[in-house]
Amino acid sequence: MTLDLTTEAIAKLSPAELISTLQQISPDDPALADVNIDVIARGIDPKKLGKDDFAALLTALGKLADGGADLDLSKMDPSNFARIISRASKDQIEGVVSDPALRVRVLDEVFRRMEAHFRADRAGATRAVVHFHVLEDVYEAIIEDATCTINKGVTREARAIVTLTPADFLKLATGNASAPVLFMTGKLKVKGDLGFAAGFMSLFNIPKA
């Protein structure tokens, strides 16, 4: 039996049915040929998913993408990506970050998008390095020559070192939390230039859900 994964068919699936379908289908199934990841994203509201369903969805998409299906998170529209992250509960985010491979996949994608959303016009002649410690994962943002370069791991001395949980980082990166508020509530810790760290996210065009 051939699966129907047209836009209209996907819209009729419940979130549980959609996740189950993605878990069972093969990456090379012809039914996936014309599937747009944004159609899937629009059909998912994390608030209607169970605690473990959000991680199951992202894991299924990741496995299909690794197998050659055109469903990589990098293809998802920024507003859809911001929406599904911002609507995920703390428990759902914890479900994502408790899986090391899935955590790295999501964090890698968020930091990759930071490069794309960098606002050179706001940075001016700024030259600075910021290290982000998110659990045991460390990412480095280098601002120089009107560009932002993201590295995994540390290559240069940092002007500021920012430490926060994955859930709070994802909120910060999708415009659903501000660095000053996270700092004042003890959810974000900074070593080094506090003022620069507080305004760092203003150098990016943060997509809104």
N, C-alpha and C. Protein backbone atom coordinates (compact mmCIF):
# COMPACT_ATOMS: atom_id res chain seq x y z
N MET A 1 0.84 -1.19 0.00
CA MET A 1 0.00 0.00 0.00
C MET A 1 0.88 1.25 0.00
N THR A 2 0.60 2.16 -0.91
CA THR A 2 1.39 3.38 -1.02
C THR A 2 0.89 4.42 -0.03
N LEU A 3 1.81 4.99 0.72
CA LEU A 3 1.44 6.02 1.67
C LEU A 3 1.10 7.31 0.95
N ASP A 4 0.10 8.01 1.47
CA ASP A 4 -0.27 9.31 0.93
C ASP A 4 0.29 10.38 1.86
N LEU A 5 1.32 11.07 1.41
CA LEU A 5 1.92 12.13 2.22
C LEU A 5 1.85 13.46 1.48
N THR A 6 0.76 13.66 0.78
CA THR A 6 0.52 14.97 0.19
C THR A 6 0.22 15.96 1.30
N THR A 7 0.28 17.24 0.98
CA THR A 7 0.00 18.28 1.98
C THR A 7 -1.37 18.07 2.59
N GLU A 8 -2.36 17.73 1.77
CA GLU A 8 -3.72 17.54 2.26
C GLU A 8 -3.81 16.34 3.19
N ALA A 9 -3.10 15.26 2.85
CA ALA A 9 -3.14 14.06 3.68
C ALA A 9 -2.45 14.29 5.02
N ILE A 10 -1.32 14.97 5.00
CA ILE A 10 -0.60 15.25 6.25
C ILE A 10 -1.46 16.10 7.18
N ALA A 11 -2.20 17.05 6.61
CA ALA A 11 -3.04 17.93 7.42
C ALA A 11 -4.13 17.17 8.16
N LYS A 12 -4.51 16.00 7.64
CA LYS A 12 -5.58 15.22 8.26
C LYS A 12 -5.07 14.27 9.34
N LEU A 13 -3.76 14.09 9.41
CA LEU A 13 -3.19 13.18 10.40
C LEU A 13 -3.14 13.83 11.78
N SER A 14 -3.40 13.04 12.80
CA SER A 14 -3.17 13.54 14.16
C SER A 14 -1.67 13.59 14.39
N PRO A 15 -1.21 14.37 15.37
CA PRO A 15 0.23 14.39 15.65
C PRO A 15 0.81 13.00 15.89
N ALA A 16 0.07 12.17 16.63
CA ALA A 16 0.56 10.81 16.91
C ALA A 16 0.66 9.99 15.63
N GLU A 17 -0.32 10.14 14.74
CA GLU A 17 -0.29 9.41 13.47
C GLU A 17 0.86 9.87 12.60
N LEU A 18 1.11 11.17 12.59
CA LEU A 18 2.20 11.72 11.79
C LEU A 18 3.55 11.20 12.28
N ILE A 19 3.75 11.23 13.59
CA ILE A 19 5.01 10.75 14.16
C ILE A 19 5.20 9.27 13.86
N SER A 20 4.13 8.48 14.04
CA SER A 20 4.20 7.05 13.76
C SER A 20 4.56 6.78 12.30
N THR A 21 3.97 7.56 11.40
CA THR A 21 4.26 7.40 9.97
C THR A 21 5.73 7.70 9.68
N LEU A 22 6.24 8.78 10.25
CA LEU A 22 7.63 9.17 10.02
C LEU A 22 8.60 8.14 10.60
N GLN A 23 8.20 7.50 11.69
CA GLN A 23 9.06 6.48 12.31
C GLN A 23 9.12 5.21 11.48
N GLN A 24 8.05 4.92 10.75
CA GLN A 24 7.97 3.65 10.03
C GLN A 24 8.41 3.72 8.58
N ILE A 25 8.32 4.89 7.98
CA ILE A 25 8.60 5.01 6.55
C ILE A 25 10.10 4.96 6.26
N SER A 26 10.45 4.43 5.12
CA SER A 26 11.86 4.36 4.71
C SER A 26 12.27 5.68 4.06
N PRO A 27 13.52 6.11 4.26
CA PRO A 27 13.98 7.37 3.67
C PRO A 27 13.84 7.43 2.15
N ASP A 28 13.91 6.26 1.51
CA ASP A 28 13.84 6.24 0.05
C ASP A 28 12.43 5.95 -0.48
N ASP A 29 11.44 5.99 0.40
CA ASP A 29 10.06 5.78 -0.03
C ASP A 29 9.64 6.91 -0.97
N PRO A 30 9.10 6.58 -2.14
CA PRO A 30 8.68 7.62 -3.09
C PRO A 30 7.69 8.62 -2.51
N ALA A 31 6.95 8.20 -1.48
CA ALA A 31 5.96 9.09 -0.87
C ALA A 31 6.61 10.32 -0.24
N LEU A 32 7.92 10.21 0.08
CA LEU A 32 8.62 11.33 0.71
C LEU A 32 9.20 12.31 -0.31
N ALA A 33 9.15 11.95 -1.57
CA ALA A 33 9.84 12.74 -2.59
C ALA A 33 9.42 14.20 -2.60
N ASP A 34 8.14 14.45 -2.41
CA ASP A 34 7.65 15.82 -2.49
C ASP A 34 7.20 16.38 -1.15
N VAL A 35 7.60 15.71 -0.06
CA VAL A 35 7.20 16.19 1.27
C VAL A 35 8.06 17.37 1.67
N ASN A 36 7.42 18.43 2.11
CA ASN A 36 8.10 19.64 2.56
C ASN A 36 8.14 19.63 4.08
N ILE A 37 9.32 19.82 4.64
CA ILE A 37 9.43 19.77 6.10
C ILE A 37 8.60 20.85 6.78
N ASP A 38 8.33 21.95 6.09
CA ASP A 38 7.50 22.99 6.69
C ASP A 38 6.04 22.56 6.79
N VAL A 39 5.59 21.69 5.89
CA VAL A 39 4.24 21.15 5.98
C VAL A 39 4.13 20.30 7.25
N ILE A 40 5.17 19.51 7.51
CA ILE A 40 5.19 18.71 8.73
C ILE A 40 5.22 19.61 9.95
N ALA A 41 6.05 20.64 9.91
CA ALA A 41 6.16 21.56 11.05
C ALA A 41 4.83 22.24 11.35
N ARG A 42 4.13 22.65 10.30
CA ARG A 42 2.84 23.32 10.51
C ARG A 42 1.78 22.37 11.06
N GLY A 43 1.99 21.07 10.85
CA GLY A 43 1.04 20.09 11.36
C GLY A 43 1.32 19.66 12.78
N ILE A 44 2.35 20.20 13.37
CA ILE A 44 2.74 19.80 14.72
C ILE A 44 2.64 20.98 15.69
N ASP A 45 1.91 20.77 16.77
CA ASP A 45 1.88 21.73 17.88
C ASP A 45 2.42 21.00 19.10
N PRO A 46 3.64 21.33 19.54
CA PRO A 46 4.21 20.62 20.69
C PRO A 46 3.30 20.58 21.91
N LYS A 47 2.45 21.59 22.07
CA LYS A 47 1.56 21.63 23.24
C LYS A 47 0.52 20.51 23.19
N LYS A 48 0.35 19.90 22.02
CA LYS A 48 -0.60 18.79 21.89
C LYS A 48 0.11 17.44 21.88
N LEU A 49 1.40 17.47 22.10
CA LEU A 49 2.20 16.24 22.12
C LEU A 49 2.50 15.82 23.55
N GLY A 50 2.75 14.53 23.73
CA GLY A 50 3.16 14.04 25.03
C GLY A 50 4.60 14.41 25.34
N LYS A 51 5.02 14.09 26.54
CA LYS A 51 6.36 14.46 27.01
C LYS A 51 7.46 13.97 26.09
N ASP A 52 7.33 12.72 25.59
CA ASP A 52 8.40 12.12 24.79
C ASP A 52 8.17 12.25 23.29
N ASP A 53 6.99 12.76 22.90
CA ASP A 53 6.65 12.79 21.47
C ASP A 53 7.49 13.79 20.68
N PHE A 54 7.83 14.92 21.31
CA PHE A 54 8.59 15.94 20.60
C PHE A 54 9.97 15.40 20.21
N ALA A 55 10.62 14.73 21.15
CA ALA A 55 11.92 14.12 20.85
C ALA A 55 11.77 13.04 19.80
N ALA A 56 10.67 12.27 19.87
CA ALA A 56 10.44 11.21 18.89
C ALA A 56 10.28 11.79 17.49
N LEU A 57 9.59 12.93 17.39
CA LEU A 57 9.41 13.60 16.09
C LEU A 57 10.75 14.03 15.51
N LEU A 58 11.55 14.72 16.31
CA LEU A 58 12.84 15.22 15.82
C LEU A 58 13.80 14.08 15.49
N THR A 59 13.73 13.01 16.28
CA THR A 59 14.57 11.84 16.01
C THR A 59 14.18 11.19 14.69
N ALA A 60 12.88 11.06 14.45
CA ALA A 60 12.40 10.47 13.20
C ALA A 60 12.81 11.30 12.00
N LEU A 61 12.67 12.62 12.11
CA LEU A 61 13.08 13.50 11.01
C LEU A 61 14.58 13.39 10.76
N GLY A 62 15.35 13.33 11.85
CA GLY A 62 16.80 13.22 11.73
C GLY A 62 17.23 11.94 11.04
N LYS A 63 16.60 10.82 11.40
CA LYS A 63 16.95 9.54 10.79
C LYS A 63 16.61 9.54 9.30
N LEU A 64 15.46 10.13 8.96
CA LEU A 64 15.07 10.19 7.55
C LEU A 64 16.05 11.07 6.76
N ALA A 65 16.43 12.20 7.37
CA ALA A 65 17.38 13.10 6.70
C ALA A 65 18.74 12.42 6.52
N ASP A 66 19.18 11.70 7.55
CA ASP A 66 20.46 10.98 7.46
C ASP A 66 20.42 9.91 6.37
N GLY A 67 19.20 9.40 6.11
CA GLY A 67 19.04 8.37 5.09
C GLY A 67 18.86 8.91 3.69
N GLY A 68 18.85 10.24 3.57
CA GLY A 68 18.76 10.85 2.25
C GLY A 68 17.48 11.58 1.94
N ALA A 69 16.49 11.51 2.84
CA ALA A 69 15.25 12.25 2.62
C ALA A 69 15.49 13.74 2.80
N ASP A 70 14.74 14.54 2.08
CA ASP A 70 14.93 16.00 2.10
C ASP A 70 14.18 16.62 3.29
N LEU A 71 14.52 16.15 4.49
CA LEU A 71 13.80 16.58 5.69
C LEU A 71 14.74 17.07 6.78
N ASP A 72 15.87 17.61 6.39
CA ASP A 72 16.82 18.12 7.37
C ASP A 72 16.27 19.37 8.03
N LEU A 73 16.57 19.56 9.31
CA LEU A 73 16.09 20.74 10.04
C LEU A 73 16.53 22.04 9.39
N SER A 74 17.65 22.00 8.68
CA SER A 74 18.16 23.22 8.05
C SER A 74 17.22 23.73 6.96
N LYS A 75 16.33 22.86 6.48
CA LYS A 75 15.39 23.25 5.42
C LYS A 75 14.13 23.90 5.99
N MET A 76 13.96 23.85 7.31
CA MET A 76 12.74 24.37 7.92
C MET A 76 12.77 25.90 7.98
N ASP A 77 11.64 26.51 7.63
CA ASP A 77 11.53 27.96 7.67
C ASP A 77 11.83 28.48 9.08
N PRO A 78 12.56 29.59 9.21
CA PRO A 78 12.92 30.11 10.53
C PRO A 78 11.73 30.32 11.46
N SER A 79 10.61 30.81 10.94
CA SER A 79 9.45 31.07 11.81
C SER A 79 8.85 29.76 12.31
N ASN A 80 8.84 28.73 11.47
CA ASN A 80 8.34 27.43 11.91
C ASN A 80 9.27 26.80 12.94
N PHE A 81 10.57 26.93 12.72
CA PHE A 81 11.55 26.39 13.66
C PHE A 81 11.40 27.08 15.01
N ALA A 82 11.27 28.40 14.99
CA ALA A 82 11.11 29.15 16.24
C ALA A 82 9.81 28.76 16.94
N ARG A 83 8.76 28.54 16.17
CA ARG A 83 7.46 28.20 16.77
C ARG A 83 7.50 26.85 17.47
N ILE A 84 8.03 25.83 16.82
CA ILE A 84 7.99 24.52 17.46
C ILE A 84 8.91 24.46 18.68
N ILE A 85 10.02 25.20 18.63
CA ILE A 85 10.91 25.23 19.79
C ILE A 85 10.26 26.01 20.93
N SER A 86 9.65 27.15 20.61
CA SER A 86 9.09 28.00 21.66
C SER A 86 7.86 27.37 22.31
N ARG A 87 7.12 26.55 21.58
CA ARG A 87 5.91 25.93 22.13
C ARG A 87 6.19 24.60 22.83
N ALA A 88 7.40 24.13 22.74
CA ALA A 88 7.75 22.90 23.45
C ALA A 88 7.88 23.18 24.94
N SER A 89 7.39 22.26 25.75
CA SER A 89 7.45 22.42 27.20
C SER A 89 8.86 22.13 27.70
N LYS A 90 9.09 22.48 28.95
CA LYS A 90 10.39 22.20 29.56
C LYS A 90 10.67 20.71 29.54
N ASP A 91 9.65 19.89 29.84
CA ASP A 91 9.84 18.44 29.84
C ASP A 91 10.16 17.92 28.44
N GLN A 92 9.51 18.51 27.42
CA GLN A 92 9.78 18.08 26.05
C GLN A 92 11.20 18.44 25.63
N ILE A 93 11.64 19.64 26.00
CA ILE A 93 13.01 20.04 25.70
C ILE A 93 14.00 19.14 26.43
N GLU A 94 13.67 18.81 27.68
CA GLU A 94 14.55 17.92 28.43
C GLU A 94 14.62 16.55 27.76
N GLY A 95 13.50 16.13 27.16
CA GLY A 95 13.49 14.87 26.43
C GLY A 95 14.43 14.91 25.24
N VAL A 96 14.51 16.08 24.60
CA VAL A 96 15.42 16.26 23.46
C VAL A 96 16.87 16.23 23.92
N VAL A 97 17.18 16.99 24.96
CA VAL A 97 18.58 17.14 25.37
C VAL A 97 19.11 15.93 26.13
N SER A 98 18.21 15.06 26.60
CA SER A 98 18.67 13.86 27.30
C SER A 98 19.23 12.82 26.33
N ASP A 99 18.93 12.99 25.04
CA ASP A 99 19.48 12.12 24.00
C ASP A 99 20.68 12.86 23.40
N PRO A 100 21.91 12.42 23.69
CA PRO A 100 23.10 13.17 23.25
C PRO A 100 23.11 13.47 21.75
N ALA A 101 22.77 12.49 20.93
CA ALA A 101 22.82 12.70 19.48
C ALA A 101 21.78 13.72 19.04
N LEU A 102 20.59 13.65 19.61
CA LEU A 102 19.53 14.59 19.24
C LEU A 102 19.85 15.98 19.75
N ARG A 103 20.41 16.06 20.97
CA ARG A 103 20.78 17.37 21.52
C ARG A 103 21.79 18.06 20.62
N VAL A 104 22.80 17.33 20.19
CA VAL A 104 23.82 17.92 19.32
C VAL A 104 23.21 18.34 17.98
N ARG A 105 22.31 17.53 17.44
CA ARG A 105 21.67 17.87 16.17
C ARG A 105 20.92 19.20 16.28
N VAL A 106 20.15 19.35 17.35
CA VAL A 106 19.35 20.57 17.51
C VAL A 106 20.23 21.78 17.81
N LEU A 107 21.20 21.62 18.72
CA LEU A 107 22.09 22.73 19.04
C LEU A 107 22.92 23.14 17.82
N ASP A 108 23.41 22.17 17.08
CA ASP A 108 24.18 22.49 15.86
C ASP A 108 23.34 23.33 14.91
N GLU A 109 22.06 22.97 14.78
CA GLU A 109 21.19 23.70 13.86
C GLU A 109 20.92 25.12 14.35
N VAL A 110 20.70 25.27 15.66
CA VAL A 110 20.45 26.61 16.20
C VAL A 110 21.67 27.51 16.00
N PHE A 111 22.85 26.98 16.30
CA PHE A 111 24.06 27.80 16.12
C PHE A 111 24.34 28.06 14.64
N ARG A 112 24.05 27.10 13.77
CA ARG A 112 24.21 27.34 12.33
C ARG A 112 23.33 28.51 11.89
N ARG A 113 22.13 28.56 12.42
CA ARG A 113 21.21 29.64 12.06
C ARG A 113 21.69 30.99 12.59
N MET A 114 22.45 30.98 13.67
CA MET A 114 22.99 32.24 14.17
C MET A 114 23.90 32.89 13.13
N GLU A 115 24.70 32.08 12.44
CA GLU A 115 25.54 32.62 11.37
C GLU A 115 24.69 33.28 10.30
N ALA A 116 23.59 32.62 9.94
CA ALA A 116 22.73 33.11 8.86
C ALA A 116 21.96 34.37 9.25
N HIS A 117 21.65 34.50 10.54
CA HIS A 117 20.82 35.62 11.00
C HIS A 117 21.63 36.78 11.58
N PHE A 118 22.94 36.71 11.42
CA PHE A 118 23.80 37.78 11.94
C PHE A 118 23.52 39.09 11.22
N ARG A 119 23.46 40.18 12.00
CA ARG A 119 23.21 41.51 11.44
C ARG A 119 24.51 42.31 11.41
N ALA A 120 25.18 42.29 10.28
CA ALA A 120 26.44 43.02 10.16
C ALA A 120 26.26 44.50 10.38
N ASP A 121 25.08 45.03 10.02
CA ASP A 121 24.84 46.46 10.18
C ASP A 121 24.79 46.87 11.64
N ARG A 122 24.42 45.95 12.51
CA ARG A 122 24.37 46.25 13.93
C ARG A 122 25.73 46.05 14.59
N ALA A 123 26.52 45.16 14.03
CA ALA A 123 27.82 44.85 14.64
C ALA A 123 28.85 45.93 14.40
N GLY A 124 28.77 46.60 13.25
CA GLY A 124 29.75 47.63 12.94
C GLY A 124 31.15 47.05 12.92
N ALA A 125 32.06 47.67 13.67
CA ALA A 125 33.45 47.21 13.71
C ALA A 125 33.73 46.28 14.90
N THR A 126 32.67 45.76 15.50
CA THR A 126 32.82 44.89 16.67
C THR A 126 33.70 43.68 16.36
N ARG A 127 34.63 43.42 17.24
CA ARG A 127 35.47 42.21 17.18
C ARG A 127 35.40 41.57 18.56
N ALA A 128 34.84 40.40 18.64
CA ALA A 128 34.68 39.76 19.95
C ALA A 128 34.46 38.26 19.78
N VAL A 129 34.75 37.54 20.85
CA VAL A 129 34.53 36.09 20.88
C VAL A 129 33.68 35.77 22.11
N VAL A 130 32.65 34.97 21.91
CA VAL A 130 31.79 34.53 23.01
C VAL A 130 31.76 33.01 23.02
N HIS A 131 31.95 32.43 24.20
CA HIS A 131 31.84 30.98 24.35
C HIS A 131 30.51 30.66 25.02
N PHE A 132 29.80 29.69 24.48
CA PHE A 132 28.54 29.22 25.07
C PHE A 132 28.75 27.82 25.61
N HIS A 133 28.49 27.65 26.90
CA HIS A 133 28.56 26.34 27.53
C HIS A 133 27.12 25.88 27.78
N VAL A 134 26.70 24.87 27.03
CA VAL A 134 25.34 24.33 27.14
C VAL A 134 25.48 22.85 27.52
N LEU A 135 25.31 22.56 28.81
CA LEU A 135 25.70 21.26 29.35
C LEU A 135 27.17 21.04 29.01
N GLU A 136 27.51 19.86 28.45
CA GLU A 136 28.93 19.63 28.14
C GLU A 136 29.30 20.10 26.74
N ASP A 137 28.34 20.63 26.02
CA ASP A 137 28.61 21.12 24.66
C ASP A 137 29.10 22.57 24.71
N VAL A 138 30.16 22.86 23.97
CA VAL A 138 30.73 24.20 23.95
C VAL A 138 30.78 24.71 22.51
N TYR A 139 30.22 25.89 22.32
CA TYR A 139 30.23 26.53 20.99
C TYR A 139 30.88 27.90 21.12
N GLU A 140 31.52 28.30 20.05
CA GLU A 140 32.24 29.57 20.03
C GLU A 140 31.70 30.45 18.90
N ALA A 141 31.34 31.68 19.25
CA ALA A 141 30.89 32.65 18.25
C ALA A 141 31.98 33.71 18.10
N ILE A 142 32.48 33.86 16.89
CA ILE A 142 33.52 34.86 16.60
C ILE A 142 32.92 35.95 15.73
N ILE A 143 32.93 37.18 16.25
CA ILE A 143 32.43 38.33 15.51
C ILE A 143 33.63 39.15 15.05
N GLU A 144 33.83 39.24 13.75
CA GLU A 144 34.90 40.07 13.20
C GLU A 144 34.66 40.26 11.70
N ASP A 145 35.14 41.39 11.21
CA ASP A 145 35.02 41.70 9.78
C ASP A 145 33.58 41.61 9.31
N ALA A 146 32.66 42.06 10.16
CA ALA A 146 31.23 42.11 9.83
C ALA A 146 30.63 40.74 9.53
N THR A 147 31.19 39.70 10.13
CA THR A 147 30.64 38.36 9.97
C THR A 147 30.62 37.65 11.32
N CYS A 148 29.81 36.60 11.39
CA CYS A 148 29.77 35.75 12.58
C CYS A 148 30.14 34.33 12.16
N THR A 149 31.13 33.78 12.83
CA THR A 149 31.56 32.41 12.56
C THR A 149 31.34 31.58 13.82
N ILE A 150 30.70 30.43 13.65
CA ILE A 150 30.44 29.54 14.78
C ILE A 150 31.37 28.33 14.71
N ASN A 151 32.01 28.03 15.82
CA ASN A 151 32.85 26.83 15.93
C ASN A 151 32.34 25.95 17.05
N LYS A 152 32.53 24.65 16.90
CA LYS A 152 32.31 23.75 18.03
C LYS A 152 33.63 23.60 18.74
N GLY A 153 33.62 23.88 20.04
CA GLY A 153 34.86 23.89 20.78
C GLY A 153 35.46 25.29 20.80
N VAL A 154 36.60 25.41 21.43
CA VAL A 154 37.22 26.72 21.68
C VAL A 154 38.49 26.86 20.86
N THR A 155 38.61 28.00 20.17
CA THR A 155 39.83 28.28 19.40
C THR A 155 40.48 29.59 19.81
N ARG A 156 39.73 30.45 20.50
CA ARG A 156 40.27 31.75 20.89
C ARG A 156 39.82 32.12 22.30
N GLU A 157 40.52 33.06 22.88
CA GLU A 157 40.13 33.57 24.19
C GLU A 157 38.83 34.35 24.06
N ALA A 158 37.95 34.17 25.03
CA ALA A 158 36.62 34.78 24.95
C ALA A 158 36.53 36.11 25.68
N ARG A 159 35.75 37.02 25.10
CA ARG A 159 35.41 38.26 25.78
C ARG A 159 34.36 37.99 26.85
N ALA A 160 33.53 36.98 26.59
CA ALA A 160 32.51 36.59 27.56
C ALA A 160 32.26 35.09 27.44
N ILE A 161 32.03 34.45 28.57
CA ILE A 161 31.69 33.02 28.60
C ILE A 161 30.29 32.91 29.20
N VAL A 162 29.38 32.35 28.42
CA VAL A 162 27.97 32.26 28.82
C VAL A 162 27.64 30.80 29.11
N THR A 163 27.04 30.56 30.27
CA THR A 163 26.64 29.21 30.66
C THR A 163 25.14 29.20 30.95
N LEU A 164 24.42 28.27 30.33
CA LEU A 164 22.98 28.14 30.58
C LEU A 164 22.51 26.77 30.13
N THR A 165 21.29 26.41 30.53
CA THR A 165 20.75 25.10 30.18
C THR A 165 20.30 25.08 28.72
N PRO A 166 20.19 23.90 28.13
CA PRO A 166 19.69 23.83 26.76
C PRO A 166 18.33 24.46 26.58
N ALA A 167 17.42 24.24 27.55
CA ALA A 167 16.07 24.80 27.43
C ALA A 167 16.12 26.32 27.40
N ASP A 168 16.91 26.91 28.28
CA ASP A 168 17.00 28.37 28.32
C ASP A 168 17.73 28.91 27.09
N PHE A 169 18.73 28.18 26.62
CA PHE A 169 19.42 28.64 25.41
C PHE A 169 18.47 28.64 24.22
N LEU A 170 17.67 27.59 24.08
CA LEU A 170 16.74 27.53 22.95
C LEU A 170 15.71 28.65 23.03
N LYS A 171 15.27 28.99 24.23
CA LYS A 171 14.35 30.12 24.38
C LYS A 171 15.04 31.42 23.97
N LEU A 172 16.28 31.57 24.39
CA LEU A 172 17.04 32.78 24.06
C LEU A 172 17.24 32.90 22.55
N ALA A 173 17.58 31.79 21.93
CA ALA A 173 17.91 31.81 20.50
C ALA A 173 16.70 31.95 19.60
N THR A 174 15.50 31.71 20.15
CA THR A 174 14.28 31.86 19.35
C THR A 174 13.46 33.07 19.77
N GLY A 175 14.07 33.95 20.55
CA GLY A 175 13.40 35.19 20.92
C GLY A 175 12.33 35.06 21.98
N ASN A 176 12.35 33.96 22.72
CA ASN A 176 11.34 33.73 23.74
C ASN A 176 11.87 33.95 25.15
N ALA A 177 13.04 34.52 25.24
CA ALA A 177 13.62 34.92 26.52
C ALA A 177 14.70 35.95 26.22
N SER A 178 14.99 36.79 27.19
CA SER A 178 16.04 37.80 27.00
C SER A 178 17.20 37.50 27.93
N ALA A 179 18.40 37.82 27.48
CA ALA A 179 19.59 37.55 28.28
C ALA A 179 19.55 38.28 29.63
N PRO A 180 19.16 39.57 29.68
CA PRO A 180 19.13 40.25 30.97
C PRO A 180 18.19 39.59 31.98
N VAL A 181 17.01 39.15 31.50
CA VAL A 181 16.05 38.51 32.40
C VAL A 181 16.59 37.16 32.88
N LEU A 182 17.17 36.39 31.97
CA LEU A 182 17.74 35.10 32.36
C LEU A 182 18.88 35.30 33.36
N PHE A 183 19.66 36.36 33.17
CA PHE A 183 20.76 36.65 34.09
C PHE A 183 20.22 37.04 35.46
N MET A 184 19.22 37.91 35.48
CA MET A 184 18.67 38.39 36.75
C MET A 184 18.01 37.26 37.54
N THR A 185 17.50 36.25 36.83
CA THR A 185 16.85 35.14 37.52
C THR A 185 17.80 33.98 37.78
N GLY A 186 19.08 34.18 37.48
CA GLY A 186 20.08 33.17 37.77
C GLY A 186 20.14 32.02 36.79
N LYS A 187 19.43 32.14 35.68
CA LYS A 187 19.40 31.05 34.69
C LYS A 187 20.52 31.16 33.67
N LEU A 188 21.16 32.31 33.62
CA LEU A 188 22.28 32.54 32.70
C LEU A 188 23.44 33.10 33.49
N LYS A 189 24.58 32.48 33.36
CA LYS A 189 25.77 32.93 34.08
C LYS A 189 26.80 33.44 33.07
N VAL A 190 27.46 34.52 33.44
CA VAL A 190 28.43 35.15 32.54
C VAL A 190 29.75 35.36 33.26
N LYS A 191 30.84 34.98 32.60
CA LYS A 191 32.18 35.34 33.04
C LYS A 191 32.76 36.27 31.99
N GLY A 192 33.30 37.39 32.44
CA GLY A 192 33.87 38.33 31.48
C GLY A 192 33.00 39.56 31.32
N ASP A 193 32.86 40.04 30.11
CA ASP A 193 32.16 41.29 29.81
C ASP A 193 30.65 41.09 29.88
N LEU A 194 30.07 41.40 31.02
CA LEU A 194 28.64 41.19 31.24
C LEU A 194 27.80 42.06 30.31
N GLY A 195 28.20 43.31 30.15
CA GLY A 195 27.43 44.22 29.30
C GLY A 195 27.36 43.74 27.86
N PHE A 196 28.50 43.28 27.34
CA PHE A 196 28.52 42.79 25.97
C PHE A 196 27.66 41.54 25.83
N ALA A 197 27.77 40.64 26.81
CA ALA A 197 26.99 39.40 26.76
C ALA A 197 25.50 39.69 26.79
N ALA A 198 25.10 40.69 27.59
CA ALA A 198 23.68 41.02 27.71
C ALA A 198 23.10 41.50 26.39
N GLY A 199 23.90 42.18 25.60
CA GLY A 199 23.40 42.71 24.33
C GLY A 199 23.78 41.89 23.12
N PHE A 200 24.41 40.74 23.35
CA PHE A 200 24.94 39.95 22.24
C PHE A 200 23.86 39.53 21.25
N MET A 201 22.71 39.09 21.75
CA MET A 201 21.67 38.59 20.85
C MET A 201 21.06 39.69 19.99
N SER A 202 21.30 40.95 20.36
CA SER A 202 20.78 42.05 19.53
C SER A 202 21.53 42.14 18.21
N LEU A 203 22.64 41.42 18.09
CA LEU A 203 23.40 41.41 16.84
C LEU A 203 22.81 40.43 15.82
N PHE A 204 21.68 39.82 16.18
CA PHE A 204 21.08 38.82 15.31
C PHE A 204 19.62 39.16 15.04
N ASN A 205 19.18 38.80 13.87
CA ASN A 205 17.77 38.96 13.51
C ASN A 205 17.05 37.70 13.96
N ILE A 206 16.52 37.73 15.19
CA ILE A 206 15.93 36.54 15.78
C ILE A 206 14.56 36.27 15.16
N PRO A 207 14.36 35.10 14.54
CA PRO A 207 13.05 34.78 13.97
C PRO A 207 12.00 34.67 15.07
N LYS A 208 10.81 35.15 14.81
CA LYS A 208 9.72 35.05 15.76
C LYS A 208 8.76 33.95 15.33
N ALA A 209 8.19 33.30 16.34
CA ALA A 209 7.24 32.22 16.03
C ALA A 209 5.96 32.78 15.44
